[in-house]
């Protein structure tokens, strides 16, 4: 569970863009060093690109709402069918009556 929390913390840190933007604005305001500002802007662009790449790797992100609804309905129906089959199997004599083990 700690690993899951750490992944969330890392993602939060990775997608936190405001501090980098603030750092760029502060550099523009305080110094007139265009190389420093250019370097920070390039780093900011790399961070945005990294975020985009991570978002593209999320499974199902390209699936539209209609397809998600169809898949949800399909799997809900499968679940219902399996529950009904399980209930049928539970009522079979094999599972409802225990064999007489007196001979052992």
PDB file of N, CA and C in Angstrom:
ATOM      1  N   UNK A   1       0.829  -1.188   0.000  1.00  0.00           N
ATOM      2  CA  UNK A   1       0.000   0.000   0.000  1.00  0.00           C
ATOM      3  C   UNK A   1       0.873   1.251   0.000  1.00  0.00           C
ATOM      4  N   UNK A   2       2.009   1.193   0.635  1.00  0.00           N
ATOM      5  CA  UNK A   2       2.924   2.335   0.637  1.00  0.00           C
ATOM      6  C   UNK A   2       3.421   2.617  -0.769  1.00  0.00           C
ATOM      7  N   UNK A   3       3.592   1.576  -1.565  1.00  0.00           N
ATOM      8  CA  UNK A   3       4.042   1.758  -2.935  1.00  0.00           C
ATOM      9  C   UNK A   3       2.999   2.535  -3.733  1.00  0.00           C
ATOM     10  N   UNK A   4       1.729   2.188  -3.542  1.00  0.00           N
ATOM     11  CA  UNK A   4       0.653   2.895  -4.224  1.00  0.00           C
ATOM     12  C   UNK A   4       0.620   4.362  -3.832  1.00  0.00           C
ATOM     13  N   UNK A   5       0.784   4.634  -2.535  1.00  0.00           N
ATOM     14  CA  UNK A   5       0.789   6.018  -2.076  1.00  0.00           C
ATOM     15  C   UNK A   5       1.985   6.761  -2.636  1.00  0.00           C
ATOM     16  N   UNK A   6       3.137   6.092  -2.696  1.00  0.00           N
ATOM     17  CA  UNK A   6       4.334   6.737  -3.225  1.00  0.00           C
ATOM     18  C   UNK A   6       4.155   7.047  -4.704  1.00  0.00           C
ATOM     19  N   UNK A   7       3.510   6.145  -5.457  1.00  0.00           N
ATOM     20  CA  UNK A   7       3.255   6.410  -6.861  1.00  0.00           C
ATOM     21  C   UNK A   7       2.354   7.628  -7.012  1.00  0.00           C
ATOM     22  N   UNK A   8       1.345   7.750  -6.158  1.00  0.00           N
ATOM     23  CA  UNK A   8       0.472   8.914  -6.206  1.00  0.00           C
ATOM     24  C   UNK A   8       1.244  10.188  -5.913  1.00  0.00           C
ATOM     25  N   UNK A   9       2.132  10.142  -4.938  1.00  0.00           N
ATOM     26  CA  UNK A   9       2.933  11.313  -4.600  1.00  0.00           C
ATOM     27  C   UNK A   9       3.837  11.680  -5.765  1.00  0.00           C
ATOM     28  N   UNK A  10       4.444  10.676  -6.385  1.00  0.00           N
ATOM     29  CA  UNK A  10       5.305  10.935  -7.530  1.00  0.00           C
ATOM     30  C   UNK A  10       4.509  11.535  -8.686  1.00  0.00           C
ATOM     31  N   UNK A  11       3.314  11.032  -8.930  1.00  0.00           N
ATOM     32  CA  UNK A  11       2.486  11.580 -10.001  1.00  0.00           C
ATOM     33  C   UNK A  11       2.081  13.011  -9.693  1.00  0.00           C
ATOM     34  N   UNK A  12       1.752  13.273  -8.455  1.00  0.00           N
ATOM     35  CA  UNK A  12       1.387  14.632  -8.066  1.00  0.00           C
ATOM     36  C   UNK A  12       2.556  15.572  -8.305  1.00  0.00           C
ATOM     37  N   UNK A  13       3.727  15.129  -7.939  1.00  0.00           N
ATOM     38  CA  UNK A  13       4.923  15.949  -8.146  1.00  0.00           C
ATOM     39  C   UNK A  13       5.205  16.113  -9.641  1.00  0.00           C
ATOM     40  N   UNK A  14       5.028  15.042 -10.381  1.00  0.00           N
ATOM     41  CA  UNK A  14       5.320  15.070 -11.817  1.00  0.00           C
ATOM     42  C   UNK A  14       4.372  16.003 -12.570  1.00  0.00           C
ATOM     43  N   UNK A  15       3.114  16.057 -12.157  1.00  0.00           N
ATOM     44  CA  UNK A  15       2.124  16.875 -12.856  1.00  0.00           C
ATOM     45  C   UNK A  15       1.962  18.267 -12.241  1.00  0.00           C
ATOM     46  N   UNK A  16       2.774  18.594 -11.292  1.00  0.00           N
ATOM     47  CA  UNK A  16       2.719  19.917 -10.686  1.00  0.00           C
ATOM     48  C   UNK A  16       3.488  20.902 -11.574  1.00  0.00           C
ATOM     49  N   UNK A  17       2.748  21.670 -12.348  1.00  0.00           N
ATOM     50  CA  UNK A  17       3.360  22.584 -13.322  1.00  0.00           C
ATOM     51  C   UNK A  17       3.447  24.021 -12.817  1.00  0.00           C
ATOM     52  N   UNK A  18       2.652  24.371 -11.832  1.00  0.00           N
ATOM     53  CA  UNK A  18       2.632  25.757 -11.355  1.00  0.00           C
ATOM     54  C   UNK A  18       3.970  26.233 -10.794  1.00  0.00           C
ATOM     55  N   UNK A  19       4.667  25.439  -9.998  1.00  0.00           N
ATOM     56  CA  UNK A  19       5.953  25.931  -9.494  1.00  0.00           C
ATOM     57  C   UNK A  19       6.952  26.242 -10.614  1.00  0.00           C
ATOM     58  N   UNK A  20       6.968  25.416 -11.640  1.00  0.00           N
ATOM     59  CA  UNK A  20       7.878  25.661 -12.762  1.00  0.00           C
ATOM     60  C   UNK A  20       7.475  26.935 -13.507  1.00  0.00           C
ATOM     61  N   UNK A  21       6.175  27.135 -13.696  1.00  0.00           N
ATOM     62  CA  UNK A  21       5.707  28.361 -14.346  1.00  0.00           C
ATOM     63  C   UNK A  21       6.022  29.591 -13.514  1.00  0.00           C
ATOM     64  N   UNK A  22       5.840  29.475 -12.222  1.00  0.00           N
ATOM     65  CA  UNK A  22       6.156  30.580 -11.313  1.00  0.00           C
ATOM     66  C   UNK A  22       7.648  30.891 -11.347  1.00  0.00           C
ATOM     67  N   UNK A  23       8.456  29.852 -11.408  1.00  0.00           N
ATOM     68  CA  UNK A  23       9.909  30.024 -11.468  1.00  0.00           C
ATOM     69  C   UNK A  23      10.313  30.775 -12.737  1.00  0.00           C
ATOM     70  N   UNK A  24       9.661  30.475 -13.832  1.00  0.00           N
ATOM     71  CA  UNK A  24       9.938  31.184 -15.097  1.00  0.00           C
ATOM     72  C   UNK A  24       9.581  32.663 -14.957  1.00  0.00           C
ATOM     73  N   UNK A  25       8.390  32.924 -14.423  1.00  0.00           N
ATOM     74  CA  UNK A  25       7.955  34.318 -14.259  1.00  0.00           C
ATOM     75  C   UNK A  25       8.881  35.091 -13.309  1.00  0.00           C
ATOM     76  N   UNK A  26       9.302  34.432 -12.252  1.00  0.00           N
ATOM     77  CA  UNK A  26      10.210  35.061 -11.301  1.00  0.00           C
ATOM     78  C   UNK A  26      11.552  35.380 -11.969  1.00  0.00           C
ATOM     79  N   UNK A  27      12.023  34.472 -12.806  1.00  0.00           N
ATOM     80  CA  UNK A  27      13.284  34.713 -13.512  1.00  0.00           C
ATOM     81  C   UNK A  27      13.163  35.882 -14.478  1.00  0.00           C
ATOM     82  N   UNK A  28      12.041  35.974 -15.144  1.00  0.00           N
ATOM     83  CA  UNK A  28      11.824  37.092 -16.077  1.00  0.00           C
ATOM     84  C   UNK A  28      11.786  38.404 -15.317  1.00  0.00           C
ATOM     85  N   UNK A  29      11.111  38.383 -14.173  1.00  0.00           N
ATOM     86  CA  UNK A  29      10.944  39.593 -13.384  1.00  0.00           C
ATOM     87  C   UNK A  29      12.255  40.060 -12.742  1.00  0.00           C
ATOM     88  N   UNK A  30      13.021  39.146 -12.179  1.00  0.00           N
ATOM     89  CA  UNK A  30      14.205  39.511 -11.409  1.00  0.00           C
ATOM     90  C   UNK A  30      15.471  39.666 -12.250  1.00  0.00           C
ATOM     91  N   UNK A  31      15.629  38.835 -13.242  1.00  0.00           N
ATOM     92  CA  UNK A  31      16.856  38.926 -14.048  1.00  0.00           C
ATOM     93  C   UNK A  31      16.495  39.168 -15.501  1.00  0.00           C
ATOM     94  N   UNK A  32      17.396  39.739 -16.169  1.00  0.00           N
ATOM     95  CA  UNK A  32      17.207  39.942 -17.600  1.00  0.00           C
ATOM     96  C   UNK A  32      18.082  38.978 -18.389  1.00  0.00           C
ATOM     97  N   UNK A  33      18.479  37.882 -17.755  1.00  0.00           N
ATOM     98  CA  UNK A  33      19.317  36.880 -18.397  1.00  0.00           C
ATOM     99  C   UNK A  33      18.439  35.996 -19.282  1.00  0.00           C
ATOM    100  N   UNK A  34      18.489  36.240 -20.565  1.00  0.00           N
ATOM    101  CA  UNK A  34      17.622  35.511 -21.485  1.00  0.00           C
ATOM    102  C   UNK A  34      18.005  34.031 -21.579  1.00  0.00           C
ATOM    103  N   UNK A  35      19.271  33.719 -21.358  1.00  0.00           N
ATOM    104  CA  UNK A  35      19.689  32.316 -21.415  1.00  0.00           C
ATOM    105  C   UNK A  35      19.067  31.511 -20.269  1.00  0.00           C
ATOM    106  N   UNK A  36      19.017  32.104 -19.104  1.00  0.00           N
ATOM    107  CA  UNK A  36      18.414  31.417 -17.951  1.00  0.00           C
ATOM    108  C   UNK A  36      16.926  31.204 -18.184  1.00  0.00           C
ATOM    109  N   UNK A  37      16.257  32.223 -18.683  1.00  0.00           N
ATOM    110  CA  UNK A  37      14.818  32.110 -18.954  1.00  0.00           C
ATOM    111  C   UNK A  37      14.581  31.064 -20.039  1.00  0.00           C
ATOM    112  N   UNK A  38      15.405  31.080 -21.080  1.00  0.00           N
ATOM    113  CA  UNK A  38      15.267  30.111 -22.168  1.00  0.00           C
ATOM    114  C   UNK A  38      15.471  28.693 -21.640  1.00  0.00           C
ATOM    115  N   UNK A  39      16.447  28.503 -20.764  1.00  0.00           N
ATOM    116  CA  UNK A  39      16.711  27.186 -20.186  1.00  0.00           C
ATOM    117  C   UNK A  39      15.513  26.714 -19.358  1.00  0.00           C
ATOM    118  N   UNK A  40      14.940  27.623 -18.570  1.00  0.00           N
ATOM    119  CA  UNK A  40      13.795  27.250 -17.733  1.00  0.00           C
ATOM    120  C   UNK A  40      12.554  26.957 -18.577  1.00  0.00           C
ATOM    121  N   UNK A  41      12.373  27.721 -19.650  1.00  0.00           N
ATOM    122  CA  UNK A  41      11.239  27.469 -20.552  1.00  0.00           C
ATOM    123  C   UNK A  41      11.408  26.114 -21.235  1.00  0.00           C
ATOM    124  N   UNK A  42      12.637  25.795 -21.648  1.00  0.00           N
ATOM    125  CA  UNK A  42      12.892  24.494 -22.277  1.00  0.00           C
ATOM    126  C   UNK A  42      12.618  23.354 -21.298  1.00  0.00           C
ATOM    127  N   UNK A  43      13.039  23.519 -20.050  1.00  0.00           N
ATOM    128  CA  UNK A  43      12.775  22.502 -19.033  1.00  0.00           C
ATOM    129  C   UNK A  43      11.271  22.348 -18.800  1.00  0.00           C
ATOM    130  N   UNK A  44      10.559  23.474 -18.821  1.00  0.00           N
ATOM    131  CA  UNK A  44       9.108  23.454 -18.648  1.00  0.00           C
ATOM    132  C   UNK A  44       8.434  22.700 -19.802  1.00  0.00           C
ATOM    133  N   UNK A  45       8.897  22.956 -21.019  1.00  0.00           N
ATOM    134  CA  UNK A  45       8.351  22.253 -22.191  1.00  0.00           C
ATOM    135  C   UNK A  45       8.614  20.756 -22.101  1.00  0.00           C
ATOM    136  N   UNK A  46       9.799  20.386 -21.638  1.00  0.00           N
ATOM    137  CA  UNK A  46      10.117  18.960 -21.469  1.00  0.00           C
ATOM    138  C   UNK A  46       9.197  18.316 -20.435  1.00  0.00           C
ATOM    139  N   UNK A  47       8.917  19.047 -19.385  1.00  0.00           N
ATOM    140  CA  UNK A  47       8.031  18.524 -18.347  1.00  0.00           C
ATOM    141  C   UNK A  47       6.617  18.336 -18.896  1.00  0.00           C
ATOM    142  N   UNK A  48       6.149  19.286 -19.682  1.00  0.00           N
ATOM    143  CA  UNK A  48       4.819  19.169 -20.296  1.00  0.00           C
ATOM    144  C   UNK A  48       4.788  17.967 -21.236  1.00  0.00           C
ATOM    145  N   UNK A  49       5.846  17.788 -22.021  1.00  0.00           N
ATOM    146  CA  UNK A  49       5.914  16.652 -22.938  1.00  0.00           C
ATOM    147  C   UNK A  49       5.917  15.332 -22.172  1.00  0.00           C
ATOM    148  N   UNK A  50       6.639  15.302 -21.073  1.00  0.00           N
ATOM    149  CA  UNK A  50       6.676  14.100 -20.229  1.00  0.00           C
ATOM    150  C   UNK A  50       5.284  13.793 -19.681  1.00  0.00           C
ATOM    151  N   UNK A  51       4.566  14.815 -19.261  1.00  0.00           N
ATOM    152  CA  UNK A  51       3.200  14.636 -18.762  1.00  0.00           C
ATOM    153  C   UNK A  51       2.293  14.087 -19.860  1.00  0.00           C
ATOM    154  N   UNK A  52       2.423  14.628 -21.064  1.00  0.00           N
ATOM    155  CA  UNK A  52       1.611  14.146 -22.193  1.00  0.00           C
ATOM    156  C   UNK A  52       1.876  12.676 -22.462  1.00  0.00           C
ATOM    157  N   UNK A  53       3.153  12.293 -22.439  1.00  0.00           N
ATOM    158  CA  UNK A  53       3.515  10.900 -22.695  1.00  0.00           C
ATOM    159  C   UNK A  53       2.937   9.976 -21.619  1.00  0.00           C
ATOM    160  N   UNK A  54       2.967  10.408 -20.368  1.00  0.00           N
ATOM    161  CA  UNK A  54       2.390   9.597 -19.297  1.00  0.00           C
ATOM    162  C   UNK A  54       0.885   9.450 -19.480  1.00  0.00           C
ATOM    163  N   UNK A  55       0.226  10.534 -19.866  1.00  0.00           N
ATOM    164  CA  UNK A  55      -1.223  10.479 -20.059  1.00  0.00           C
ATOM    165  C   UNK A  55      -1.599   9.562 -21.215  1.00  0.00           C
ATOM    166  N   UNK A  56      -0.781   9.549 -22.258  1.00  0.00           N
ATOM    167  CA  UNK A  56      -1.064   8.689 -23.406  1.00  0.00           C
ATOM    168  C   UNK A  56      -0.906   7.214 -23.070  1.00  0.00           C
ATOM    169  N   UNK A  57      -0.122   6.902 -22.044  1.00  0.00           N
ATOM    170  CA  UNK A  57       0.113   5.510 -21.656  1.00  0.00           C
ATOM    171  C   UNK A  57      -1.003   4.936 -20.798  1.00  0.00           C
ATOM    172  N   UNK A  58      -1.919   5.764 -20.338  1.00  0.00           N
ATOM    173  CA  UNK A  58      -3.011   5.277 -19.491  1.00  0.00           C
ATOM    174  C   UNK A  58      -3.941   4.417 -20.332  1.00  0.00           C
ATOM    175  N   UNK A  59      -4.179   3.169 -19.905  1.00  0.00           N
ATOM    176  CA  UNK A  59      -5.058   2.296 -20.689  1.00  0.00           C
ATOM    177  C   UNK A  59      -6.487   2.830 -20.727  1.00  0.00           C
ATOM    178  N   UNK A  60      -7.069   2.813 -21.908  1.00  0.00           N
ATOM    179  CA  UNK A  60      -8.458   3.219 -22.062  1.00  0.00           C
ATOM    180  C   UNK A  60      -8.671   4.701 -22.248  1.00  0.00           C
ATOM    181  N   UNK A  61      -7.600   5.477 -22.255  1.00  0.00           N
ATOM    182  CA  UNK A  61      -7.754   6.924 -22.379  1.00  0.00           C
ATOM    183  C   UNK A  61      -8.312   7.302 -23.760  1.00  0.00           C
ATOM    184  N   UNK A  62      -8.119   6.436 -24.733  1.00  0.00           N
ATOM    185  CA  UNK A  62      -8.613   6.717 -26.075  1.00  0.00           C
ATOM    186  C   UNK A  62     -10.022   6.156 -26.311  1.00  0.00           C
ATOM    187  N   UNK A  63     -10.616   5.555 -25.296  1.00  0.00           N
ATOM    188  CA  UNK A  63     -11.944   4.966 -25.423  1.00  0.00           C
ATOM    189  C   UNK A  63     -13.007   6.027 -25.149  1.00  0.00           C
ATOM    190  N   UNK A  64     -13.971   6.131 -26.088  1.00  0.00           N
ATOM    191  CA  UNK A  64     -15.013   7.139 -25.902  1.00  0.00           C
ATOM    192  C   UNK A  64     -16.080   6.657 -24.920  1.00  0.00           C
ATOM    193  N   UNK A  65     -16.944   7.542 -24.512  1.00  0.00           N
ATOM    194  CA  UNK A  65     -17.943   7.260 -23.474  1.00  0.00           C
ATOM    195  C   UNK A  65     -18.911   6.166 -23.927  1.00  0.00           C
ATOM    196  N   UNK A  66     -19.319   6.186 -25.178  1.00  0.00           N
ATOM    197  CA  UNK A  66     -20.273   5.190 -25.666  1.00  0.00           C
ATOM    198  C   UNK A  66     -19.682   3.790 -25.576  1.00  0.00           C
ATOM    199  N   UNK A  67     -18.423   3.655 -25.978  1.00  0.00           N
ATOM    200  CA  UNK A  67     -17.774   2.346 -25.916  1.00  0.00           C
ATOM    201  C   UNK A  67     -17.620   1.900 -24.464  1.00  0.00           C
ATOM    202  N   UNK A  68     -17.295   2.819 -23.582  1.00  0.00           N
ATOM    203  CA  UNK A  68     -17.172   2.476 -22.165  1.00  0.00           C
ATOM    204  C   UNK A  68     -18.511   1.994 -21.620  1.00  0.00           C
ATOM    205  N   UNK A  69     -19.599   2.651 -22.010  1.00  0.00           N
ATOM    206  CA  UNK A  69     -20.929   2.242 -21.556  1.00  0.00           C
ATOM    207  C   UNK A  69     -21.286   0.856 -22.076  1.00  0.00           C
ATOM    208  N   UNK A  70     -20.945   0.576 -23.345  1.00  0.00           N
ATOM    209  CA  UNK A  70     -21.208  -0.752 -23.912  1.00  0.00           C
ATOM    210  C   UNK A  70     -20.407  -1.819 -23.173  1.00  0.00           C
ATOM    211  N   UNK A  71     -19.140  -1.530 -22.911  1.00  0.00           N
ATOM    212  CA  UNK A  71     -18.305  -2.495 -22.191  1.00  0.00           C
ATOM    213  C   UNK A  71     -18.820  -2.724 -20.773  1.00  0.00           C
ATOM    214  N   UNK A  72     -19.228  -1.660 -20.110  1.00  0.00           N
ATOM    215  CA  UNK A  72     -19.772  -1.780 -18.764  1.00  0.00           C
ATOM    216  C   UNK A  72     -21.018  -2.653 -18.768  1.00  0.00           C
ATOM    217  N   UNK A  73     -21.917  -2.413 -19.702  1.00  0.00           N
ATOM    218  CA  UNK A  73     -23.139  -3.204 -19.792  1.00  0.00           C
ATOM    219  C   UNK A  73     -22.815  -4.669 -20.091  1.00  0.00           C
ATOM    220  N   UNK A  74     -21.861  -4.904 -20.998  1.00  0.00           N
ATOM    221  CA  UNK A  74     -21.461  -6.260 -21.347  1.00  0.00           C
ATOM    222  C   UNK A  74     -20.938  -7.003 -20.114  1.00  0.00           C
ATOM    223  N   UNK A  75     -20.046  -6.371 -19.378  1.00  0.00           N
ATOM    224  CA  UNK A  75     -19.455  -7.032 -18.209  1.00  0.00           C
ATOM    225  C   UNK A  75     -20.446  -7.166 -17.054  1.00  0.00           C
ATOM    226  N   UNK A  76     -21.374  -6.243 -16.941  1.00  0.00           N
ATOM    227  CA  UNK A  76     -22.421  -6.388 -15.927  1.00  0.00           C
ATOM    228  C   UNK A  76     -23.308  -7.582 -16.253  1.00  0.00           C
ATOM    229  N   UNK A  77     -23.618  -7.764 -17.538  1.00  0.00           N
ATOM    230  CA  UNK A  77     -24.424  -8.919 -17.947  1.00  0.00           C
ATOM    231  C   UNK A  77     -23.674 -10.223 -17.698  1.00  0.00           C
ATOM    232  N   UNK A  78     -22.384 -10.238 -18.018  1.00  0.00           N
ATOM    233  CA  UNK A  78     -21.580 -11.445 -17.763  1.00  0.00           C
ATOM    234  C   UNK A  78     -21.546 -11.759 -16.269  1.00  0.00           C
ATOM    235  N   UNK A  79     -21.398 -10.747 -15.461  1.00  0.00           N
ATOM    236  CA  UNK A  79     -21.371 -10.932 -14.008  1.00  0.00           C
ATOM    237  C   UNK A  79     -22.703 -11.504 -13.524  1.00  0.00           C
ATOM    238  N   UNK A  80     -23.793 -10.968 -14.023  1.00  0.00           N
ATOM    239  CA  UNK A  80     -25.120 -11.443 -13.631  1.00  0.00           C
ATOM    240  C   UNK A  80     -25.307 -12.901 -14.039  1.00  0.00           C
ATOM    241  N   UNK A  81     -24.888 -13.242 -15.254  1.00  0.00           N
ATOM    242  CA  UNK A  81     -24.999 -14.626 -15.727  1.00  0.00           C
ATOM    243  C   UNK A  81     -24.182 -15.568 -14.850  1.00  0.00           C
ATOM    244  N   UNK A  82     -22.972 -15.169 -14.504  1.00  0.00           N
ATOM    245  CA  UNK A  82     -22.113 -16.024 -13.679  1.00  0.00           C
ATOM    246  C   UNK A  82     -22.683 -16.178 -12.271  1.00  0.00           C
ATOM    247  N   UNK A  83     -23.270 -15.129 -11.747  1.00  0.00           N
ATOM    248  CA  UNK A  83     -23.911 -15.230 -10.429  1.00  0.00           C
ATOM    249  C   UNK A  83     -25.079 -16.207 -10.474  1.00  0.00           C
ATOM    250  N   UNK A  84     -25.865 -16.152 -11.552  1.00  0.00           N
ATOM    251  CA  UNK A  84     -26.998 -17.062 -11.698  1.00  0.00           C
ATOM    252  C   UNK A  84     -26.517 -18.509 -11.825  1.00  0.00           C
ATOM    253  N   UNK A  85     -25.453 -18.734 -12.605  1.00  0.00           N
ATOM    254  CA  UNK A  85     -24.903 -20.082 -12.734  1.00  0.00           C
ATOM    255  C   UNK A  85     -24.366 -20.593 -11.410  1.00  0.00           C
ATOM    256  N   UNK A  86     -23.700 -19.743 -10.689  1.00  0.00           N
ATOM    257  CA  UNK A  86     -23.171 -20.130  -9.384  1.00  0.00           C
ATOM    258  C   UNK A  86     -24.302 -20.533  -8.448  1.00  0.00           C
ATOM    259  N   UNK A  87     -25.380 -19.785  -8.479  1.00  0.00           N
ATOM    260  CA  UNK A  87     -26.528 -20.107  -7.631  1.00  0.00           C
ATOM    261  C   UNK A  87     -27.137 -21.451  -8.048  1.00  0.00           C
ATOM    262  N   UNK A  88     -27.193 -21.724  -9.357  1.00  0.00           N
ATOM    263  CA  UNK A  88     -27.702 -23.012  -9.834  1.00  0.00           C
ATOM    264  C   UNK A  88     -26.810 -24.147  -9.351  1.00  0.00           C
ATOM    265  N   UNK A  89     -25.501 -23.971  -9.428  1.00  0.00           N
ATOM    266  CA  UNK A  89     -24.570 -25.007  -8.987  1.00  0.00           C
ATOM    267  C   UNK A  89     -24.665 -25.249  -7.484  1.00  0.00           C
ATOM    268  N   UNK A  90     -24.912 -24.217  -6.740  1.00  0.00           N
ATOM    269  CA  UNK A  90     -25.020 -24.363  -5.285  1.00  0.00           C
ATOM    270  C   UNK A  90     -26.212 -25.219  -4.880  1.00  0.00           C
ATOM    271  N   UNK A  91     -27.253 -25.235  -5.706  1.00  0.00           N
ATOM    272  CA  UNK A  91     -28.451 -26.001  -5.373  1.00  0.00           C
ATOM    273  C   UNK A  91     -28.387 -27.437  -5.883  1.00  0.00           C
ATOM    274  N   UNK A  92     -27.332 -27.824  -6.561  1.00  0.00           N
ATOM    275  CA  UNK A  92     -27.197 -29.203  -7.022  1.00  0.00           C
ATOM    276  C   UNK A  92     -27.054 -30.130  -5.815  1.00  0.00           C
ATOM    277  N   UNK A  93     -27.594 -31.330  -5.923  1.00  0.00           N
ATOM    278  CA  UNK A  93     -27.518 -32.270  -4.799  1.00  0.00           C
ATOM    279  C   UNK A  93     -26.075 -32.560  -4.368  1.00  0.00           C
ATOM    280  N   UNK A  94     -25.170 -32.529  -5.272  1.00  0.00           N
ATOM    281  CA  UNK A  94     -23.774 -32.789  -4.953  1.00  0.00           C
ATOM    282  C   UNK A  94     -23.265 -31.827  -3.879  1.00  0.00           C
ATOM    283  N   UNK A  95     -23.744 -30.592  -3.924  1.00  0.00           N
ATOM    284  CA  UNK A  95     -23.277 -29.580  -2.981  1.00  0.00           C
ATOM    285  C   UNK A  95     -24.211 -29.385  -1.787  1.00  0.00           C
ATOM    286  N   UNK A  96     -25.444 -29.831  -1.918  1.00  0.00           N
ATOM    287  CA  UNK A  96     -26.394 -29.615  -0.824  1.00  0.00           C
ATOM    288  C   UNK A  96     -26.434 -30.763   0.169  1.00  0.00           C
ATOM    289  N   UNK A  97     -26.113 -31.984  -0.259  1.00  0.00           N
ATOM    290  CA  UNK A  97     -26.138 -33.144   0.634  1.00  0.00           C
ATOM    291  C   UNK A  97     -24.716 -33.593   0.914  1.00  0.00           C
ATOM    292  N   UNK A  98     -24.447 -33.819   2.173  1.00  0.00           N
ATOM    293  CA  UNK A  98     -23.126 -34.327   2.541  1.00  0.00           C
ATOM    294  C   UNK A  98     -23.182 -35.853   2.538  1.00  0.00           C
ATOM    295  N   UNK A  99     -22.159 -36.508   2.037  1.00  0.00           N
ATOM    296  CA  UNK A  99     -22.170 -37.977   2.009  1.00  0.00           C
ATOM    297  C   UNK A  99     -22.055 -38.539   3.419  1.00  0.00           C
ATOM    298  N   UNK A 100     -22.607 -39.727   3.585  1.00  0.00           N
ATOM    299  CA  UNK A 100     -22.575 -40.401   4.867  1.00  0.00           C
ATOM    300  C   UNK A 100     -21.200 -41.021   5.057  1.00  0.00           C
ATOM    301  N   UNK A 101     -20.430 -40.563   6.028  1.00  0.00           N
ATOM    302  CA  UNK A 101     -19.069 -41.026   6.236  1.00  0.00           C
ATOM    303  C   UNK A 101     -18.962 -41.974   7.436  1.00  0.00           C
ATOM    304  N   UNK A 102     -20.031 -42.671   7.772  1.00  0.00           N
ATOM    305  CA  UNK A 102     -19.998 -43.528   8.952  1.00  0.00           C
ATOM    306  C   UNK A 102     -19.130 -44.753   8.741  1.00  0.00           C
ATOM    307  N   UNK A 103     -18.973 -45.194   7.546  1.00  0.00           N
ATOM    308  CA  UNK A 103     -18.196 -46.407   7.267  1.00  0.00           C
ATOM    309  C   UNK A 103     -16.709 -46.196   7.451  1.00  0.00           C
ATOM    310  N   UNK A 104     -16.226 -45.051   7.590  1.00  0.00           N
ATOM    311  CA  UNK A 104     -14.781 -44.772   7.681  1.00  0.00           C
ATOM    312  C   UNK A 104     -14.342 -44.630   9.049  1.00  0.00           C
TER     313      UNK A 104
END
